[in-house]
Amino acid sequence: MAEIINLRRARKARDRTTAEVQAAANRQRFGRTKAEKLAEAQEQARTARIVDGARREPSDLG
């Protein structure tokens, strides 16, 4: 005798595995820890300070 399959459960299981794969891909692309985000923000601020410190004033040009 053949095994009886509940189509609703099979569909939901298929959708769940698809969602898990998509979530893993999103974590790979977008997931960063708070510390990583903070470190990047600090590095950008440091770079901006260096650039601003090296900027010439309009009165220095001529």
PDB file of N, CA and C in Angstrom:
ATOM      1  N   MET A   1       0.838  -1.176   0.000  1.00  0.00           N
ATOM      2  CA  MET A   1       0.000   0.000   0.000  1.00  0.00           C
ATOM      3  C   MET A   1       0.889   1.249   0.000  1.00  0.00           C
ATOM      4  N   ALA A   2       0.490   2.274  -0.681  1.00  0.00           N
ATOM      5  CA  ALA A   2       1.263   3.511  -0.804  1.00  0.00           C
ATOM      6  C   ALA A   2       1.142   4.344   0.470  1.00  0.00           C
ATOM      7  N   GLU A   3       2.170   5.130   0.703  1.00  0.00           N
ATOM      8  CA  GLU A   3       2.169   6.008   1.866  1.00  0.00           C
ATOM      9  C   GLU A   3       1.304   7.229   1.567  1.00  0.00           C
ATOM     10  N   ILE A   4       0.455   7.580   2.511  1.00  0.00           N
ATOM     11  CA  ILE A   4      -0.433   8.731   2.342  1.00  0.00           C
ATOM     12  C   ILE A   4       0.333   9.998   2.703  1.00  0.00           C
ATOM     13  N   ILE A   5       0.275  10.979   1.820  1.00  0.00           N
ATOM     14  CA  ILE A   5       0.982  12.241   2.009  1.00  0.00           C
ATOM     15  C   ILE A   5      -0.033  13.369   2.158  1.00  0.00           C
ATOM     16  N   ASN A   6       0.129  14.149   3.218  1.00  0.00           N
ATOM     17  CA  ASN A   6      -0.709  15.315   3.414  1.00  0.00           C
ATOM     18  C   ASN A   6      -0.089  16.447   2.584  1.00  0.00           C
ATOM     19  N   LEU A   7      -0.781  16.855   1.543  1.00  0.00           N
ATOM     20  CA  LEU A   7      -0.233  17.852   0.621  1.00  0.00           C
ATOM     21  C   LEU A   7      -0.020  19.207   1.283  1.00  0.00           C
ATOM     22  N   ARG A   8      -0.869  19.557   2.216  1.00  0.00           N
ATOM     23  CA  ARG A   8      -0.721  20.833   2.917  1.00  0.00           C
ATOM     24  C   ARG A   8       0.574  20.830   3.727  1.00  0.00           C
ATOM     25  N   ARG A   9       0.834  19.740   4.437  1.00  0.00           N
ATOM     26  CA  ARG A   9       2.067  19.655   5.222  1.00  0.00           C
ATOM     27  C   ARG A   9       3.300  19.631   4.324  1.00  0.00           C
ATOM     28  N   ALA A  10       3.206  18.944   3.204  1.00  0.00           N
ATOM     29  CA  ALA A  10       4.332  18.879   2.272  1.00  0.00           C
ATOM     30  C   ALA A  10       4.628  20.269   1.702  1.00  0.00           C
ATOM     31  N   ARG A  11       3.580  21.006   1.361  1.00  0.00           N
ATOM     32  CA  ARG A  11       3.762  22.354   0.822  1.00  0.00           C
ATOM     33  C   ARG A  11       4.375  23.272   1.863  1.00  0.00           C
ATOM     34  N   LYS A  12       3.876  23.190   3.094  1.00  0.00           N
ATOM     35  CA  LYS A  12       4.420  24.036   4.152  1.00  0.00           C
ATOM     36  C   LYS A  12       5.871  23.681   4.461  1.00  0.00           C
ATOM     37  N   ALA A  13       6.213  22.420   4.436  1.00  0.00           N
ATOM     38  CA  ALA A  13       7.600  22.007   4.679  1.00  0.00           C
ATOM     39  C   ALA A  13       8.499  22.515   3.564  1.00  0.00           C
ATOM     40  N   ARG A  14       8.026  22.439   2.315  1.00  0.00           N
ATOM     41  CA  ARG A  14       8.809  22.937   1.188  1.00  0.00           C
ATOM     42  C   ARG A  14       9.015  24.443   1.317  1.00  0.00           C
ATOM     43  N   ASP A  15       7.965  25.173   1.660  1.00  0.00           N
ATOM     44  CA  ASP A  15       8.066  26.626   1.826  1.00  0.00           C
ATOM     45  C   ASP A  15       9.006  26.990   2.977  1.00  0.00           C
ATOM     46  N   ARG A  16       8.967  26.199   4.051  1.00  0.00           N
ATOM     47  CA  ARG A  16       9.817  26.462   5.209  1.00  0.00           C
ATOM     48  C   ARG A  16      11.297  26.290   4.836  1.00  0.00           C
ATOM     49  N   THR A  17      11.624  25.252   4.097  1.00  0.00           N
ATOM     50  CA  THR A  17      13.020  25.052   3.709  1.00  0.00           C
ATOM     51  C   THR A  17      13.479  26.149   2.743  1.00  0.00           C
ATOM     52  N   THR A  18      12.595  26.587   1.858  1.00  0.00           N
ATOM     53  CA  THR A  18      12.926  27.679   0.947  1.00  0.00           C
ATOM     54  C   THR A  18      13.203  28.964   1.734  1.00  0.00           C
ATOM     55  N   ALA A  19      12.370  29.226   2.735  1.00  0.00           N
ATOM     56  CA  ALA A  19      12.546  30.420   3.557  1.00  0.00           C
ATOM     57  C   ALA A  19      13.850  30.345   4.355  1.00  0.00           C
ATOM     58  N   GLU A  20      14.211  29.163   4.838  1.00  0.00           N
ATOM     59  CA  GLU A  20      15.456  29.006   5.588  1.00  0.00           C
ATOM     60  C   GLU A  20      16.668  29.275   4.699  1.00  0.00           C
ATOM     61  N   VAL A  21      16.617  28.801   3.471  1.00  0.00           N
ATOM     62  CA  VAL A  21      17.720  29.039   2.532  1.00  0.00           C
ATOM     63  C   VAL A  21      17.841  30.528   2.237  1.00  0.00           C
ATOM     64  N   GLN A  22      16.707  31.198   2.028  1.00  0.00           N
ATOM     65  CA  GLN A  22      16.713  32.640   1.758  1.00  0.00           C
ATOM     66  C   GLN A  22      17.236  33.414   2.957  1.00  0.00           C
ATOM     67  N   ALA A  23      16.832  33.012   4.161  1.00  0.00           N
ATOM     68  CA  ALA A  23      17.296  33.691   5.374  1.00  0.00           C
ATOM     69  C   ALA A  23      18.805  33.535   5.541  1.00  0.00           C
ATOM     70  N   ALA A  24      19.321  32.361   5.248  1.00  0.00           N
ATOM     71  CA  ALA A  24      20.763  32.139   5.354  1.00  0.00           C
ATOM     72  C   ALA A  24      21.515  33.019   4.358  1.00  0.00           C
ATOM     73  N   ALA A  25      20.968  33.158   3.153  1.00  0.00           N
ATOM     74  CA  ALA A  25      21.595  34.011   2.149  1.00  0.00           C
ATOM     75  C   ALA A  25      21.571  35.469   2.597  1.00  0.00           C
ATOM     76  N   ASN A  26      20.460  35.910   3.185  1.00  0.00           N
ATOM     77  CA  ASN A  26      20.358  37.295   3.665  1.00  0.00           C
ATOM     78  C   ASN A  26      21.323  37.552   4.818  1.00  0.00           C
ATOM     79  N   ARG A  27      21.474  36.575   5.714  1.00  0.00           N
ATOM     80  CA  ARG A  27      22.427  36.752   6.817  1.00  0.00           C
ATOM     81  C   ARG A  27      23.840  36.873   6.274  1.00  0.00           C
ATOM     82  N   GLN A  28      24.132  36.119   5.244  1.00  0.00           N
ATOM     83  CA  GLN A  28      25.462  36.191   4.633  1.00  0.00           C
ATOM     84  C   GLN A  28      25.695  37.565   4.010  1.00  0.00           C
ATOM     85  N   ARG A  29      24.676  38.110   3.333  1.00  0.00           N
ATOM     86  CA  ARG A  29      24.827  39.385   2.632  1.00  0.00           C
ATOM     87  C   ARG A  29      24.768  40.584   3.552  1.00  0.00           C
ATOM     88  N   PHE A  30      23.821  40.598   4.500  1.00  0.00           N
ATOM     89  CA  PHE A  30      23.534  41.808   5.263  1.00  0.00           C
ATOM     90  C   PHE A  30      23.884  41.720   6.741  1.00  0.00           C
ATOM     91  N   GLY A  31      24.072  40.541   7.252  1.00  0.00           N
ATOM     92  CA  GLY A  31      24.252  40.375   8.694  1.00  0.00           C
ATOM     93  C   GLY A  31      25.614  40.828   9.168  1.00  0.00           C
ATOM     94  N   ARG A  32      25.630  41.800  10.048  1.00  0.00           N
ATOM     95  CA  ARG A  32      26.855  42.252  10.696  1.00  0.00           C
ATOM     96  C   ARG A  32      26.532  42.476  12.160  1.00  0.00           C
ATOM     97  N   THR A  33      27.521  42.250  12.994  1.00  0.00           N
ATOM     98  CA  THR A  33      27.294  42.474  14.414  1.00  0.00           C
ATOM     99  C   THR A  33      27.292  43.967  14.708  1.00  0.00           C
ATOM    100  N   LYS A  34      26.789  44.303  15.871  1.00  0.00           N
ATOM    101  CA  LYS A  34      26.758  45.697  16.291  1.00  0.00           C
ATOM    102  C   LYS A  34      28.169  46.247  16.395  1.00  0.00           C
ATOM    103  N   ALA A  35      29.104  45.429  16.852  1.00  0.00           N
ATOM    104  CA  ALA A  35      30.495  45.857  16.978  1.00  0.00           C
ATOM    105  C   ALA A  35      31.096  46.158  15.608  1.00  0.00           C
ATOM    106  N   GLU A  36      30.774  45.341  14.616  1.00  0.00           N
ATOM    107  CA  GLU A  36      31.288  45.586  13.266  1.00  0.00           C
ATOM    108  C   GLU A  36      30.736  46.896  12.696  1.00  0.00           C
ATOM    109  N   LYS A  37      29.451  47.137  12.913  1.00  0.00           N
ATOM    110  CA  LYS A  37      28.840  48.385  12.441  1.00  0.00           C
ATOM    111  C   LYS A  37      29.468  49.586  13.136  1.00  0.00           C
ATOM    112  N   LEU A  38      29.691  49.477  14.448  1.00  0.00           N
ATOM    113  CA  LEU A  38      30.290  50.561  15.220  1.00  0.00           C
ATOM    114  C   LEU A  38      31.720  50.829  14.759  1.00  0.00           C
ATOM    115  N   ALA A  39      32.481  49.771  14.526  1.00  0.00           N
ATOM    116  CA  ALA A  39      33.862  49.936  14.077  1.00  0.00           C
ATOM    117  C   ALA A  39      33.913  50.622  12.721  1.00  0.00           C
ATOM    118  N   GLU A  40      33.002  50.264  11.826  1.00  0.00           N
ATOM    119  CA  GLU A  40      32.971  50.908  10.514  1.00  0.00           C
ATOM    120  C   GLU A  40      32.595  52.385  10.633  1.00  0.00           C
ATOM    121  N   ALA A  41      31.631  52.700  11.490  1.00  0.00           N
ATOM    122  CA  ALA A  41      31.219  54.091  11.683  1.00  0.00           C
ATOM    123  C   ALA A  41      32.377  54.914  12.258  1.00  0.00           C
ATOM    124  N   GLN A  42      33.114  54.341  13.199  1.00  0.00           N
ATOM    125  CA  GLN A  42      34.256  55.047  13.773  1.00  0.00           C
ATOM    126  C   GLN A  42      35.342  55.272  12.731  1.00  0.00           C
ATOM    127  N   GLU A  43      35.568  54.287  11.882  1.00  0.00           N
ATOM    128  CA  GLU A  43      36.572  54.434  10.834  1.00  0.00           C
ATOM    129  C   GLU A  43      36.172  55.514   9.841  1.00  0.00           C
ATOM    130  N   GLN A  44      34.894  55.577   9.493  1.00  0.00           N
ATOM    131  CA  GLN A  44      34.416  56.623   8.583  1.00  0.00           C
ATOM    132  C   GLN A  44      34.554  58.001   9.220  1.00  0.00           C
ATOM    133  N   ALA A  45      34.262  58.103  10.509  1.00  0.00           N
ATOM    134  CA  ALA A  45      34.395  59.386  11.209  1.00  0.00           C
ATOM    135  C   ALA A  45      35.862  59.814  11.246  1.00  0.00           C
ATOM    136  N   ARG A  46      36.762  58.865  11.495  1.00  0.00           N
ATOM    137  CA  ARG A  46      38.189  59.167  11.525  1.00  0.00           C
ATOM    138  C   ARG A  46      38.661  59.643  10.155  1.00  0.00           C
ATOM    139  N   THR A  47      38.213  58.983   9.107  1.00  0.00           N
ATOM    140  CA  THR A  47      38.577  59.381   7.750  1.00  0.00           C
ATOM    141  C   THR A  47      38.059  60.786   7.440  1.00  0.00           C
ATOM    142  N   ALA A  48      36.834  61.076   7.858  1.00  0.00           N
ATOM    143  CA  ALA A  48      36.255  62.395   7.618  1.00  0.00           C
ATOM    144  C   ALA A  48      37.054  63.478   8.354  1.00  0.00           C
ATOM    145  N   ARG A  49      37.490  63.186   9.582  1.00  0.00           N
ATOM    146  CA  ARG A  49      38.293  64.160  10.333  1.00  0.00           C
ATOM    147  C   ARG A  49      39.623  64.415   9.633  1.00  0.00           C
ATOM    148  N   ILE A  50      40.240  63.372   9.118  1.00  0.00           N
ATOM    149  CA  ILE A  50      41.521  63.538   8.425  1.00  0.00           C
ATOM    150  C   ILE A  50      41.345  64.390   7.175  1.00  0.00           C
ATOM    151  N   VAL A  51      40.296  64.113   6.412  1.00  0.00           N
ATOM    152  CA  VAL A  51      40.036  64.871   5.189  1.00  0.00           C
ATOM    153  C   VAL A  51      39.724  66.324   5.525  1.00  0.00           C
ATOM    154  N   ASP A  52      38.898  66.558   6.547  1.00  0.00           N
ATOM    155  CA  ASP A  52      38.575  67.930   6.935  1.00  0.00           C
ATOM    156  C   ASP A  52      39.810  68.678   7.425  1.00  0.00           C
ATOM    157  N   GLY A  53      40.711  67.978   8.112  1.00  0.00           N
ATOM    158  CA  GLY A  53      41.927  68.617   8.609  1.00  0.00           C
ATOM    159  C   GLY A  53      42.879  68.989   7.485  1.00  0.00           C
ATOM    160  N   ALA A  54      42.815  68.265   6.389  1.00  0.00           N
ATOM    161  CA  ALA A  54      43.702  68.537   5.251  1.00  0.00           C
ATOM    162  C   ALA A  54      43.080  69.476   4.239  1.00  0.00           C
ATOM    163  N   ARG A  55      41.826  69.867   4.457  1.00  0.00           N
ATOM    164  CA  ARG A  55      41.131  70.738   3.505  1.00  0.00           C
ATOM    165  C   ARG A  55      41.709  72.142   3.550  1.00  0.00           C
ATOM    166  N   ARG A  56      41.837  72.714   2.403  1.00  0.00           N
ATOM    167  CA  ARG A  56      42.333  74.089   2.305  1.00  0.00           C
ATOM    168  C   ARG A  56      41.152  75.047   2.435  1.00  0.00           C
ATOM    169  N   GLU A  57      41.388  76.121   3.097  1.00  0.00           N
ATOM    170  CA  GLU A  57      40.349  77.140   3.249  1.00  0.00           C
ATOM    171  C   GLU A  57      40.303  77.987   1.982  1.00  0.00           C
ATOM    172  N   PRO A  58      39.163  78.580   1.645  1.00  0.00           N
ATOM    173  CA  PRO A  58      39.076  79.415   0.447  1.00  0.00           C
ATOM    174  C   PRO A  58      40.056  80.585   0.481  1.00  0.00           C
ATOM    175  N   SER A  59      40.386  81.113   1.643  1.00  0.00           N
ATOM    176  CA  SER A  59      41.317  82.231   1.707  1.00  0.00           C
ATOM    177  C   SER A  59      42.753  81.783   1.399  1.00  0.00           C
ATOM    178  N   ASP A  60      43.043  80.501   1.557  1.00  0.00           N
ATOM    179  CA  ASP A  60      44.390  79.976   1.265  1.00  0.00           C
ATOM    180  C   ASP A  60      44.643  79.844  -0.223  1.00  0.00           C
ATOM    181  N   LEU A  61      43.612  79.873  -1.024  1.00  0.00           N
ATOM    182  CA  LEU A  61      43.773  79.612  -2.455  1.00  0.00           C
ATOM    183  C   LEU A  61      44.376  80.786  -3.204  1.00  0.00           C
ATOM    184  N   GLY A  62      44.239  81.949  -2.758  1.00  0.00           N
ATOM    185  CA  GLY A  62      44.771  82.968  -3.616  1.00  0.00           C
ATOM    186  C   GLY A  62      44.855  84.276  -3.054  1.00  0.00           C
TER     187      GLY A  62
END
